[in-house]
Amino acid sequence: MTALLLTVFTPALGILLLALLPGLRLSGWVNLALSAFSLGASLVMAVQVLEAGPITAHGFHVDAFNVYLLALTTFVAFTTAIFSRPYMEAVCHQGRLDKGRMRLYHASYQGFMFTMLLALSTDNLGVLWVAVEGATLTTVLLVSLYRTPSAVEAAWKYFILCGVGIALALFGTVLVYFAAQQAQVPAEAGLTWSALHPLSGRFNAVAMGLAFVFLLVGYGTKAGLVPMHFWLPDAHSEGPTPVSAVLSGLLLNVALYAVVRFKMLADNALLNTGHPHAAGYLMMGFGLVSFTVAGLSLHRQRDIKRMFSYSSIEHMGLMTFAFGVGGPLATFAALLHMLVHSLTKSAIFITVGHASHIANTQVIDHIRGLIRTQPAVGWGLLLGVAAIAGFPPFGIFTSEFLILTATMQSWPWLTTLLLVGLVVAFAGLFRHLQPMVYGSAPEGQKAVGANMIPVAVHLGLVLWLGIAIPAALAHWLDEATRLIAGSGLL
């Protein structure tokens, strides 16, 4: 339990500490140290859960489903902090930020981590909503950090759209409480996950079904599902690059995690009705639309960060679709895809940050010849795109292959649509990649200092997971699959 508390509340302490630290260099190192400490605590907690089973105490609940997401969140936060320290110092020296806003950045970074870790670990569905709303507020501060008109507009759009979405999620959460009361769940446990899940088969089915619609739209807005996705490309393109890495690699996972938790309740509540698969059908529909629209949108992008934000929407749609299909194979594939997508996409955004510094622009047409002027960045971008496009032997190939296999078993007529979508997305990525990596470098383009260690670590892990999944991780994913897929018949 101590390890869990240290994992969650170390960033909370970091908010206060970093808000008061005056030194620019010191703040970067403290941010990195806090992230490292939280990562160490999360790994200790993960071992405890692996050996002794779920932890439920003091308003927290950690089981096989969220334990690996907690470890993944702290790991990506740590590696992004490694990249963030020199990158944000360079931004500050360019005059884009002053010391006051650098303190705001580091404090908000830890606040962002705290709200995500709290959302993943809480046992209370109301606290889950509060934590996700807290993540919204901290993200607004981070996206608007540069204070340019376009950055403020992106933050405002994010706040309005996600504010509406989170309001719908609140209404859905209230309906879950109402559905639970119809099953005579004690009022004090009306929003406690560990108490609700065993009794969810007795919930009012109509109320729970309606609640899931609101929850899917509400939390789906945070996950970037179409048509509630319009905030995501703007937030990625206007915020600092480290923020893009954690937004795409972590926050989207948290929102999808919330949807899946509620789907488990809905599947049980609807099991004996005439529509036992309704929640899964909704997720499949939203997932397919998001996957298709994002894949087509990749071809129209001119900003490199916006392009990869649409790639994130595409992959979130694919994960949502897989969780909707349900069953052990699709669920295992979706969980694996959450992991490898987070590692790959955060590595890509780190590489994109360096590429933008080299070219002094985010416009794709002006980024050329990276492999000539900075081979490490050029190769990082090339391998990152190959991984996110599903090239073997990277882990995304494995998870996408499993999703296609599960679809062929349950919905064979949808397999062709998925294959066409993957090809369209592949074409959209590589039509822009070739000139950026291999084209002629503009005159005067020079190499800059680039910390590619996080990129190498992430892509190395994704490659490893595509070749062989470690036994401990396979055990976590198996247990999480049993927990999720065992709650429904899809």
Protein backbone atom coordinates (compact mmCIF):
# COMPACT_ATOMS: atom_id res chain seq x y z
CA MET A 1 0.00 0.00 0.00
CA THR A 2 2.90 2.34 0.76
CA ALA A 3 4.24 1.92 -2.76
CA LEU A 4 0.82 2.83 -4.20
CA LEU A 5 0.56 5.97 -2.09
CA LEU A 6 4.09 7.02 -3.06
CA THR A 7 3.31 6.42 -6.73
CA VAL A 8 0.21 8.63 -6.67
CA PHE A 9 1.18 11.37 -4.22
CA THR A 10 4.79 12.00 -5.20
CA PRO A 11 3.59 14.15 -8.13
CA ALA A 12 1.18 15.94 -5.78
CA LEU A 13 4.15 16.94 -3.63
CA GLY A 14 5.98 17.91 -6.79
CA ILE A 15 3.28 20.46 -7.69
CA LEU A 16 4.03 22.51 -4.57
CA LEU A 17 7.79 22.03 -4.74
CA LEU A 18 8.17 23.00 -8.40
CA ALA A 19 5.81 25.96 -8.08
CA LEU A 20 8.23 27.48 -5.55
CA LEU A 21 11.62 26.60 -7.04
CA PRO A 22 13.21 29.67 -8.68
CA GLY A 23 16.06 28.01 -10.60
CA LEU A 24 15.44 26.98 -14.20
CA ARG A 25 18.03 24.22 -14.28
CA LEU A 26 17.14 22.98 -10.81
CA SER A 27 13.45 22.71 -11.72
CA GLY A 28 14.21 20.45 -14.67
CA TRP A 29 16.30 18.13 -12.53
CA VAL A 30 13.73 18.07 -9.70
CA ASN A 31 10.98 17.27 -12.21
CA LEU A 32 13.10 14.40 -13.49
CA ALA A 33 13.88 13.14 -9.96
CA LEU A 34 10.22 13.18 -8.94
CA SER A 35 9.26 11.26 -12.07
CA ALA A 36 12.01 8.71 -11.40
CA PHE A 37 10.86 8.23 -7.79
CA SER A 38 7.25 7.73 -8.86
CA LEU A 39 8.38 5.19 -11.47
CA GLY A 40 10.37 3.23 -8.86
CA ALA A 41 7.40 3.17 -6.49
CA SER A 42 5.06 2.01 -9.25
CA LEU A 43 7.37 -0.89 -10.14
CA VAL A 44 7.46 -2.00 -6.49
CA MET A 45 3.65 -1.78 -6.40
CA ALA A 46 3.39 -3.77 -9.64
CA VAL A 47 5.50 -6.58 -8.16
CA GLN A 48 3.28 -6.60 -5.07
CA VAL A 49 0.13 -6.93 -7.18
CA LEU A 50 1.76 -9.61 -9.31
CA GLU A 51 2.67 -11.66 -6.25
CA ALA A 52 -0.23 -10.99 -3.85
CA GLY A 53 -3.15 -9.96 -6.06
CA PRO A 54 -5.26 -6.77 -6.14
CA ILE A 55 -4.83 -3.96 -3.61
CA THR A 56 -8.04 -2.41 -2.27
CA ALA A 57 -7.71 0.01 0.63
CA HIS A 58 -8.17 3.67 1.60
CA GLY A 59 -10.24 4.46 -1.48
CA PHE A 60 -7.80 2.90 -3.95
CA HIS A 61 -8.13 -0.23 -6.04
CA VAL A 62 -5.31 -1.66 -8.14
CA ASP A 63 -5.83 -4.88 -10.07
CA ALA A 64 -4.38 -6.55 -13.14
CA PHE A 65 -6.09 -4.06 -15.45
CA ASN A 66 -4.78 -0.79 -14.09
CA VAL A 67 -1.48 -1.90 -12.56
CA TYR A 68 0.31 -2.09 -15.89
CA LEU A 69 -1.21 1.23 -16.95
CA LEU A 70 0.11 2.82 -13.76
CA ALA A 71 3.59 1.47 -14.46
CA LEU A 72 3.36 2.56 -18.10
CA THR A 73 2.25 6.07 -17.11
CA THR A 74 5.13 6.60 -14.69
CA PHE A 75 7.62 5.14 -17.18
CA VAL A 76 6.59 7.41 -20.05
CA ALA A 77 6.44 10.37 -17.65
CA PHE A 78 10.03 9.61 -16.61
CA THR A 79 11.44 9.22 -20.12
CA THR A 80 9.57 12.33 -21.29
CA ALA A 81 11.03 14.24 -18.34
CA ILE A 82 14.49 13.18 -19.54
CA PHE A 83 13.71 14.73 -22.93
CA SER A 84 11.86 17.69 -21.43
CA ARG A 85 14.70 19.03 -19.27
CA PRO A 86 17.11 20.13 -22.04
CA TYR A 87 14.35 20.74 -24.57
CA MET A 88 12.44 23.22 -22.41
CA GLU A 89 15.68 24.93 -21.36
CA ALA A 90 16.39 25.51 -25.06
CA VAL A 91 12.87 26.88 -25.54
CA CYS A 92 13.37 29.24 -22.63
CA HIS A 93 16.72 30.44 -24.01
CA GLN A 94 15.00 31.17 -27.33
CA GLY A 95 12.80 33.66 -25.46
CA ARG A 96 9.53 31.79 -25.93
CA LEU A 97 9.12 31.34 -22.15
CA ASP A 98 10.19 33.23 -19.06
CA LYS A 99 11.11 31.75 -15.69
CA GLY A 100 7.61 32.21 -14.30
CA ARG A 101 6.02 30.17 -17.06
CA MET A 102 8.75 27.55 -16.75
CA ARG A 103 7.73 27.11 -13.11
CA LEU A 104 4.13 26.82 -14.30
CA TYR A 105 5.19 24.20 -16.85
CA HIS A 106 7.01 21.96 -14.36
CA ALA A 107 4.31 22.29 -11.69
CA SER A 108 1.59 21.55 -14.27
CA TYR A 109 3.59 18.57 -15.57
CA GLN A 110 3.54 16.98 -12.12
CA GLY A 111 -0.10 18.00 -11.67
CA PHE A 112 -0.93 16.27 -14.93
CA MET A 113 0.81 13.11 -13.72
CA PHE A 114 -0.97 13.25 -10.36
CA THR A 115 -4.44 13.51 -11.88
CA MET A 116 -3.79 10.65 -14.32
CA LEU A 117 -2.35 8.36 -11.64
CA LEU A 118 -5.27 9.18 -9.34
CA ALA A 119 -7.76 8.42 -12.12
CA LEU A 120 -6.13 5.06 -12.77
CA SER A 121 -5.87 3.97 -9.14
CA THR A 122 -9.03 5.26 -7.44
CA ASP A 123 -11.75 2.84 -6.36
CA ASN A 124 -14.42 5.53 -6.56
CA LEU A 125 -16.07 6.36 -9.88
CA GLY A 126 -16.82 9.89 -8.69
CA VAL A 127 -13.16 10.50 -7.86
CA LEU A 128 -12.33 9.08 -11.29
CA TRP A 129 -14.47 11.83 -12.84
CA VAL A 130 -12.85 14.51 -10.65
CA ALA A 131 -9.37 13.29 -11.57
CA VAL A 132 -10.11 13.33 -15.30
CA GLU A 133 -11.52 16.84 -14.96
CA GLY A 134 -8.35 17.81 -13.08
CA ALA A 135 -6.31 16.45 -15.98
CA THR A 136 -8.36 18.69 -18.28
CA LEU A 137 -7.52 21.80 -16.27
CA THR A 138 -3.80 21.05 -16.08
CA THR A 139 -3.72 20.30 -19.81
CA VAL A 140 -5.29 23.69 -20.55
CA LEU A 141 -2.40 25.35 -18.70
CA LEU A 142 0.16 23.27 -20.61
CA VAL A 143 -1.36 23.72 -24.07
CA SER A 144 -1.59 27.50 -23.64
CA LEU A 145 1.93 27.78 -22.23
CA TYR A 146 3.42 29.75 -25.16
CA ARG A 147 0.58 32.33 -24.94
CA THR A 148 0.43 32.80 -28.70
CA PRO A 149 -3.03 33.50 -30.17
CA SER A 150 -3.14 30.04 -31.75
CA ALA A 151 -2.05 28.36 -28.49
CA VAL A 152 -4.71 30.20 -26.47
CA GLU A 153 -7.33 29.31 -29.09
CA ALA A 154 -6.28 25.63 -28.96
CA ALA A 155 -6.47 25.62 -25.15
CA TRP A 156 -9.89 27.29 -25.24
CA LYS A 157 -11.19 24.77 -27.78
CA TYR A 158 -9.81 21.95 -25.63
CA PHE A 159 -11.44 23.37 -22.51
CA ILE A 160 -14.86 23.85 -24.13
CA LEU A 161 -15.07 20.51 -25.94
CA CYS A 162 -13.66 18.44 -23.10
CA GLY A 163 -15.71 20.42 -20.60
CA VAL A 164 -18.89 19.46 -22.44
CA GLY A 165 -17.67 15.86 -22.68
CA ILE A 166 -16.81 15.61 -19.01
CA ALA A 167 -20.22 17.07 -18.11
CA LEU A 168 -21.87 14.25 -20.07
CA ALA A 169 -19.63 11.78 -18.23
CA LEU A 170 -20.81 13.25 -14.92
CA PHE A 171 -24.44 12.69 -15.90
CA GLY A 172 -23.56 9.12 -16.89
CA THR A 173 -21.88 8.57 -13.52
CA VAL A 174 -25.03 9.80 -11.73
CA LEU A 175 -27.08 7.33 -13.79
CA VAL A 176 -24.72 4.52 -12.76
CA TYR A 177 -25.40 5.42 -9.12
CA PHE A 178 -29.14 5.36 -9.85
CA ALA A 179 -28.87 1.96 -11.59
CA ALA A 180 -26.92 0.59 -8.62
CA GLN A 181 -29.51 1.82 -6.13
CA GLN A 182 -32.16 -0.16 -8.00
CA ALA A 183 -30.07 -3.24 -7.12
CA GLN A 184 -30.10 -2.15 -3.45
CA VAL A 185 -26.38 -1.46 -3.36
CA PRO A 186 -25.60 0.37 -0.08
CA ALA A 187 -25.68 4.12 -0.62
CA GLU A 188 -22.18 4.62 0.79
CA ALA A 189 -20.82 2.17 -1.79
CA GLY A 190 -22.90 3.48 -4.69
CA LEU A 191 -19.86 4.64 -6.64
CA THR A 192 -17.23 2.21 -5.33
CA TRP A 193 -15.94 0.03 -8.15
CA SER A 194 -14.94 -2.96 -6.00
CA ALA A 195 -18.47 -3.05 -4.52
CA LEU A 196 -20.34 -2.35 -7.77
CA HIS A 197 -18.68 -4.85 -10.07
CA PRO A 198 -19.75 -8.06 -8.26
CA LEU A 199 -23.35 -6.76 -8.06
CA SER A 200 -23.60 -5.20 -11.53
CA GLY A 201 -25.66 -8.10 -12.87
CA ARG A 202 -28.55 -6.85 -10.71
CA PHE A 203 -28.41 -3.23 -11.91
CA ASN A 204 -31.35 -1.57 -13.61
CA ALA A 205 -30.53 -2.48 -17.21
CA VAL A 206 -32.26 0.48 -18.86
CA ALA A 207 -30.55 3.02 -16.58
CA MET A 208 -27.17 1.35 -17.00
CA GLY A 209 -27.51 1.19 -20.77
CA LEU A 210 -28.41 4.87 -20.94
CA ALA A 211 -25.56 5.70 -18.55
CA PHE A 212 -23.06 3.97 -20.81
CA VAL A 213 -24.12 6.08 -23.79
CA PHE A 214 -23.35 9.27 -21.86
CA LEU A 215 -20.12 7.83 -20.45
CA LEU A 216 -18.89 6.68 -23.85
CA VAL A 217 -19.52 10.09 -25.41
CA GLY A 218 -18.14 11.92 -22.37
CA TYR A 219 -14.93 9.99 -21.79
CA GLY A 220 -14.72 9.30 -25.53
CA THR A 221 -14.26 13.04 -26.01
CA LYS A 222 -11.13 12.83 -23.85
CA ALA A 223 -10.00 9.76 -25.80
CA GLY A 224 -10.24 11.69 -29.07
CA LEU A 225 -12.99 9.61 -30.65
CA VAL A 226 -14.70 11.01 -33.74
CA PRO A 227 -16.75 13.22 -33.89
CA MET A 228 -15.58 14.68 -30.55
CA HIS A 229 -11.92 14.79 -31.64
CA PHE A 230 -11.51 18.35 -32.90
CA TRP A 231 -9.60 19.53 -29.84
CA LEU A 232 -6.83 16.97 -30.18
CA PRO A 233 -4.94 18.11 -33.34
CA ASP A 234 -4.92 21.73 -32.13
CA ALA A 235 -3.73 20.80 -28.64
CA HIS A 236 -0.91 18.70 -30.07
CA SER A 237 0.24 21.27 -32.59
CA GLU A 238 0.24 24.29 -30.26
CA GLY A 239 1.44 22.85 -26.95
CA PRO A 240 5.09 22.13 -26.08
CA THR A 241 6.38 18.89 -27.57
CA PRO A 242 6.76 17.08 -24.18
CA VAL A 243 3.08 17.81 -23.59
CA SER A 244 2.21 16.21 -26.93
CA ALA A 245 4.18 13.11 -25.90
CA VAL A 246 2.29 12.61 -22.64
CA LEU A 247 -1.08 13.64 -24.10
CA SER A 248 -0.91 11.08 -26.87
CA GLY A 249 0.94 8.43 -24.92
CA LEU A 250 -0.91 8.63 -21.60
CA LEU A 251 -4.05 10.79 -21.32
CA LEU A 252 -5.88 9.04 -24.14
CA ASN A 253 -5.24 5.71 -22.38
CA VAL A 254 -6.75 7.03 -19.15
CA ALA A 255 -9.95 8.07 -20.90
CA LEU A 256 -10.26 4.71 -22.67
CA TYR A 257 -9.55 2.95 -19.36
CA ALA A 258 -12.56 4.72 -17.85
CA VAL A 259 -14.79 3.66 -20.76
CA VAL A 260 -13.73 0.01 -20.41
CA ARG A 261 -14.36 0.04 -16.65
CA PHE A 262 -17.92 1.20 -17.26
CA LYS A 263 -18.35 -1.27 -20.11
CA MET A 264 -17.65 -4.08 -17.66
CA LEU A 265 -20.58 -2.87 -15.53
CA ALA A 266 -22.83 -2.39 -18.56
CA ASP A 267 -22.08 -5.85 -19.96
CA ASN A 268 -23.12 -7.49 -16.71
CA ALA A 269 -26.24 -5.32 -16.33
CA LEU A 270 -27.38 -6.03 -19.91
CA LEU A 271 -26.48 -9.72 -19.90
CA ASN A 272 -30.03 -11.03 -19.42
CA THR A 273 -31.78 -8.45 -21.57
CA GLY A 274 -32.61 -8.58 -25.26
CA HIS A 275 -29.53 -6.47 -26.06
CA PRO A 276 -26.61 -8.01 -24.14
CA HIS A 277 -23.99 -6.71 -26.59
CA ALA A 278 -25.22 -3.10 -26.84
CA ALA A 279 -22.21 -1.55 -25.09
CA GLY A 280 -19.81 -3.45 -27.32
CA TYR A 281 -21.70 -2.46 -30.46
CA LEU A 282 -21.48 1.21 -29.50
CA MET A 283 -17.74 0.97 -28.93
CA MET A 284 -17.26 -0.85 -32.23
CA GLY A 285 -19.20 1.87 -34.06
CA PHE A 286 -17.33 4.79 -32.53
CA GLY A 287 -14.05 2.94 -32.97
CA LEU A 288 -14.58 2.20 -36.66
CA VAL A 289 -15.67 5.75 -37.47
CA SER A 290 -12.67 7.19 -35.61
CA PHE A 291 -10.29 4.75 -37.28
CA THR A 292 -11.61 5.53 -40.76
CA VAL A 293 -11.87 9.32 -40.47
CA ALA A 294 -8.42 9.67 -38.89
CA GLY A 295 -6.80 7.44 -41.52
CA LEU A 296 -8.22 9.58 -44.33
CA SER A 297 -7.30 12.82 -42.52
CA LEU A 298 -3.62 11.84 -42.43
CA HIS A 299 -3.37 12.63 -46.14
CA ARG A 300 -4.49 16.25 -45.71
CA GLN A 301 -2.11 17.39 -42.99
CA ARG A 302 0.59 20.05 -43.43
CA ASP A 303 1.73 20.29 -39.80
CA ILE A 304 3.86 17.39 -38.57
CA LYS A 305 2.41 17.36 -35.05
CA ARG A 306 -1.16 17.52 -36.35
CA MET A 307 -0.39 14.57 -38.62
CA PHE A 308 0.72 12.39 -35.75
CA SER A 309 -2.21 13.55 -33.63
CA TYR A 310 -4.54 12.10 -36.27
CA SER A 311 -2.47 8.92 -36.09
CA SER A 312 -3.28 8.84 -32.36
CA ILE A 313 -7.00 9.18 -33.12
CA GLU A 314 -6.70 6.31 -35.60
CA HIS A 315 -5.10 4.02 -33.04
CA MET A 316 -7.51 4.99 -30.27
CA GLY A 317 -10.32 4.08 -32.65
CA LEU A 318 -8.71 0.71 -33.30
CA MET A 319 -8.37 0.03 -29.56
CA THR A 320 -11.96 1.09 -28.90
CA PHE A 321 -13.13 -1.20 -31.68
CA ALA A 322 -11.15 -4.14 -30.24
CA PHE A 323 -12.55 -3.63 -26.73
CA GLY A 324 -16.00 -3.46 -28.32
CA VAL A 325 -15.49 -6.77 -30.12
CA GLY A 326 -14.68 -8.29 -26.74
CA GLY A 327 -13.66 -11.84 -26.06
CA PRO A 328 -10.24 -12.94 -24.78
CA LEU A 329 -8.27 -12.49 -28.01
CA ALA A 330 -9.57 -9.02 -28.92
CA THR A 331 -9.24 -7.80 -25.32
CA PHE A 332 -5.66 -9.07 -25.00
CA ALA A 333 -4.83 -7.42 -28.34
CA ALA A 334 -6.36 -4.10 -27.24
CA LEU A 335 -4.41 -4.12 -23.97
CA LEU A 336 -1.18 -4.87 -25.81
CA HIS A 337 -1.96 -2.15 -28.35
CA MET A 338 -2.45 0.40 -25.55
CA LEU A 339 1.05 -0.42 -24.33
CA VAL A 340 2.95 -0.41 -27.62
CA HIS A 341 1.08 2.62 -28.98
CA SER A 342 1.97 4.67 -25.90
CA LEU A 343 5.64 3.78 -26.16
CA THR A 344 5.80 4.37 -29.90
CA LYS A 345 3.81 7.58 -30.11
CA SER A 346 5.66 9.27 -27.24
CA ALA A 347 8.95 8.34 -28.97
CA ILE A 348 7.66 9.83 -32.24
CA PHE A 349 6.67 13.12 -30.63
CA ILE A 350 10.09 13.40 -28.97
CA THR A 351 11.68 12.90 -32.40
CA VAL A 352 9.27 15.40 -33.96
CA GLY A 353 10.30 17.96 -31.35
CA HIS A 354 13.93 17.63 -32.41
CA ALA A 355 12.98 17.71 -36.10
CA SER A 356 11.02 20.93 -35.58
CA HIS A 357 14.00 22.52 -33.84
CA ILE A 358 16.32 21.51 -36.68
CA ALA A 359 14.02 22.94 -39.36
CA ASN A 360 12.73 25.77 -37.13
CA THR A 361 9.18 24.94 -38.24
CA GLN A 362 6.43 22.34 -37.88
CA VAL A 363 5.38 22.63 -41.53
CA ILE A 364 5.95 19.27 -43.21
CA ASP A 365 6.97 20.81 -46.54
CA HIS A 366 9.83 22.68 -44.84
CA ILE A 367 11.23 19.68 -42.95
CA ARG A 368 13.66 17.97 -45.32
CA GLY A 369 16.76 15.80 -45.33
CA LEU A 370 16.85 14.96 -41.63
CA ILE A 371 18.96 11.87 -42.18
CA ARG A 372 21.64 14.02 -43.86
CA THR A 373 21.96 16.78 -41.27
CA GLN A 374 21.06 14.77 -38.12
CA PRO A 375 21.12 11.00 -38.75
CA ALA A 376 19.93 10.10 -35.24
CA VAL A 377 16.76 12.18 -35.63
CA GLY A 378 16.20 10.99 -39.19
CA TRP A 379 16.55 7.33 -38.27
CA GLY A 380 14.43 7.85 -35.15
CA LEU A 381 11.60 9.31 -37.21
CA LEU A 382 11.91 6.60 -39.86
CA LEU A 383 11.85 3.73 -37.34
CA GLY A 384 9.12 5.38 -35.28
CA VAL A 385 6.83 5.71 -38.30
CA ALA A 386 7.64 2.14 -39.37
CA ALA A 387 6.65 0.97 -35.90
CA ILE A 388 3.41 3.01 -35.70
CA ALA A 389 2.44 1.89 -39.22
CA GLY A 390 2.57 -1.74 -38.07
CA PHE A 391 5.75 -2.98 -39.72
CA PRO A 392 7.01 -6.31 -38.38
CA PRO A 393 8.67 -7.17 -36.08
CA PHE A 394 7.54 -4.17 -34.00
CA GLY A 395 4.93 -4.77 -31.31
CA ILE A 396 2.19 -2.82 -33.09
CA PHE A 397 2.30 -5.39 -35.88
CA THR A 398 1.63 -8.10 -33.29
CA SER A 399 -1.30 -6.29 -31.65
CA GLU A 400 -2.86 -5.31 -34.98
CA PHE A 401 -2.50 -8.87 -36.26
CA LEU A 402 -4.28 -10.15 -33.14
CA ILE A 403 -7.06 -7.56 -33.59
CA LEU A 404 -7.52 -8.65 -37.22
CA THR A 405 -7.58 -12.32 -36.14
CA ALA A 406 -10.21 -11.62 -33.49
CA THR A 407 -12.28 -9.65 -36.01
CA MET A 408 -12.11 -12.53 -38.50
CA GLN A 409 -13.47 -14.85 -35.81
CA SER A 410 -16.34 -12.62 -34.68
CA TRP A 411 -17.06 -10.19 -37.52
CA PRO A 412 -15.35 -11.52 -40.68
CA TRP A 413 -17.02 -8.99 -42.98
CA LEU A 414 -15.35 -6.14 -41.08
CA THR A 415 -11.84 -7.53 -41.63
CA THR A 416 -11.61 -6.05 -45.13
CA LEU A 417 -12.60 -2.62 -43.82
CA LEU A 418 -9.87 -2.78 -41.17
CA LEU A 419 -7.25 -3.87 -43.72
CA VAL A 420 -8.20 -1.06 -46.11
CA GLY A 421 -8.05 1.43 -43.22
CA LEU A 422 -4.59 0.24 -42.21
CA VAL A 423 -3.35 0.59 -45.79
CA VAL A 424 -4.83 4.10 -46.11
CA ALA A 425 -3.18 5.18 -42.84
CA PHE A 426 0.12 3.61 -43.93
CA ALA A 427 0.02 5.56 -47.19
CA GLY A 428 -0.83 8.80 -45.40
CA LEU A 429 2.17 8.49 -43.10
CA PHE A 430 4.76 7.42 -45.67
CA ARG A 431 3.82 9.94 -48.34
CA HIS A 432 5.02 12.64 -45.93
CA LEU A 433 7.86 10.67 -44.36
CA GLN A 434 10.07 10.06 -47.40
CA PRO A 435 10.92 13.70 -48.22
CA MET A 436 11.28 14.65 -44.55
CA VAL A 437 13.88 11.93 -44.01
CA TYR A 438 15.55 11.48 -47.40
CA GLY A 439 14.85 14.75 -49.25
CA SER A 440 17.43 17.42 -49.92
CA ALA A 441 18.15 19.43 -46.80
CA PRO A 442 17.49 23.18 -47.10
CA GLU A 443 20.57 25.36 -47.30
CA GLY A 444 21.80 26.37 -43.89
CA GLN A 445 20.03 23.54 -41.99
CA LYS A 446 22.38 22.46 -39.23
CA ALA A 447 22.37 19.74 -36.64
CA VAL A 448 21.28 20.62 -33.12
CA GLY A 449 21.80 18.82 -29.83
CA ALA A 450 19.30 15.97 -29.67
CA ASN A 451 18.67 13.66 -26.71
CA MET A 452 17.55 10.49 -28.47
CA ILE A 453 18.01 8.13 -25.51
CA PRO A 454 14.26 8.02 -24.65
CA VAL A 455 13.46 7.31 -28.31
CA ALA A 456 15.95 4.45 -28.46
CA VAL A 457 14.62 2.94 -25.22
CA HIS A 458 10.97 3.17 -26.30
CA LEU A 459 11.49 1.79 -29.78
CA GLY A 460 13.75 -0.93 -28.40
CA LEU A 461 10.98 -2.01 -26.03
CA VAL A 462 8.40 -1.97 -28.84
CA LEU A 463 10.73 -4.13 -30.95
CA TRP A 464 11.25 -6.51 -28.02
CA LEU A 465 7.48 -6.81 -27.43
CA GLY A 466 7.01 -7.65 -31.10
CA ILE A 467 9.48 -10.53 -30.83
CA ALA A 468 8.72 -11.91 -27.36
CA ILE A 469 6.46 -10.68 -24.53
CA PRO A 470 8.13 -11.12 -21.10
CA ALA A 471 6.44 -13.67 -18.84
CA ALA A 472 5.55 -11.11 -16.14
CA LEU A 473 3.91 -8.77 -18.65
CA ALA A 474 2.08 -11.66 -20.33
CA HIS A 475 0.74 -12.67 -16.91
CA TRP A 476 -0.52 -9.11 -16.24
CA LEU A 477 -2.21 -8.96 -19.62
CA ASP A 478 -3.74 -12.42 -19.19
CA GLU A 479 -5.17 -11.48 -15.80
CA ALA A 480 -6.50 -8.18 -17.13
CA THR A 481 -8.08 -10.02 -20.07
CA ARG A 482 -9.85 -12.43 -17.70
CA LEU A 483 -11.12 -9.52 -15.64
CA ILE A 484 -12.47 -7.58 -18.65
CA ALA A 485 -13.57 -10.29 -21.08
CA GLY A 486 -15.13 -12.34 -18.31
CA SER A 487 -17.75 -9.64 -17.76
CA GLY A 488 -19.53 -10.13 -21.07
CA LEU A 489 -20.21 -12.55 -23.91
CA LEU A 490 -19.11 -10.51 -26.96
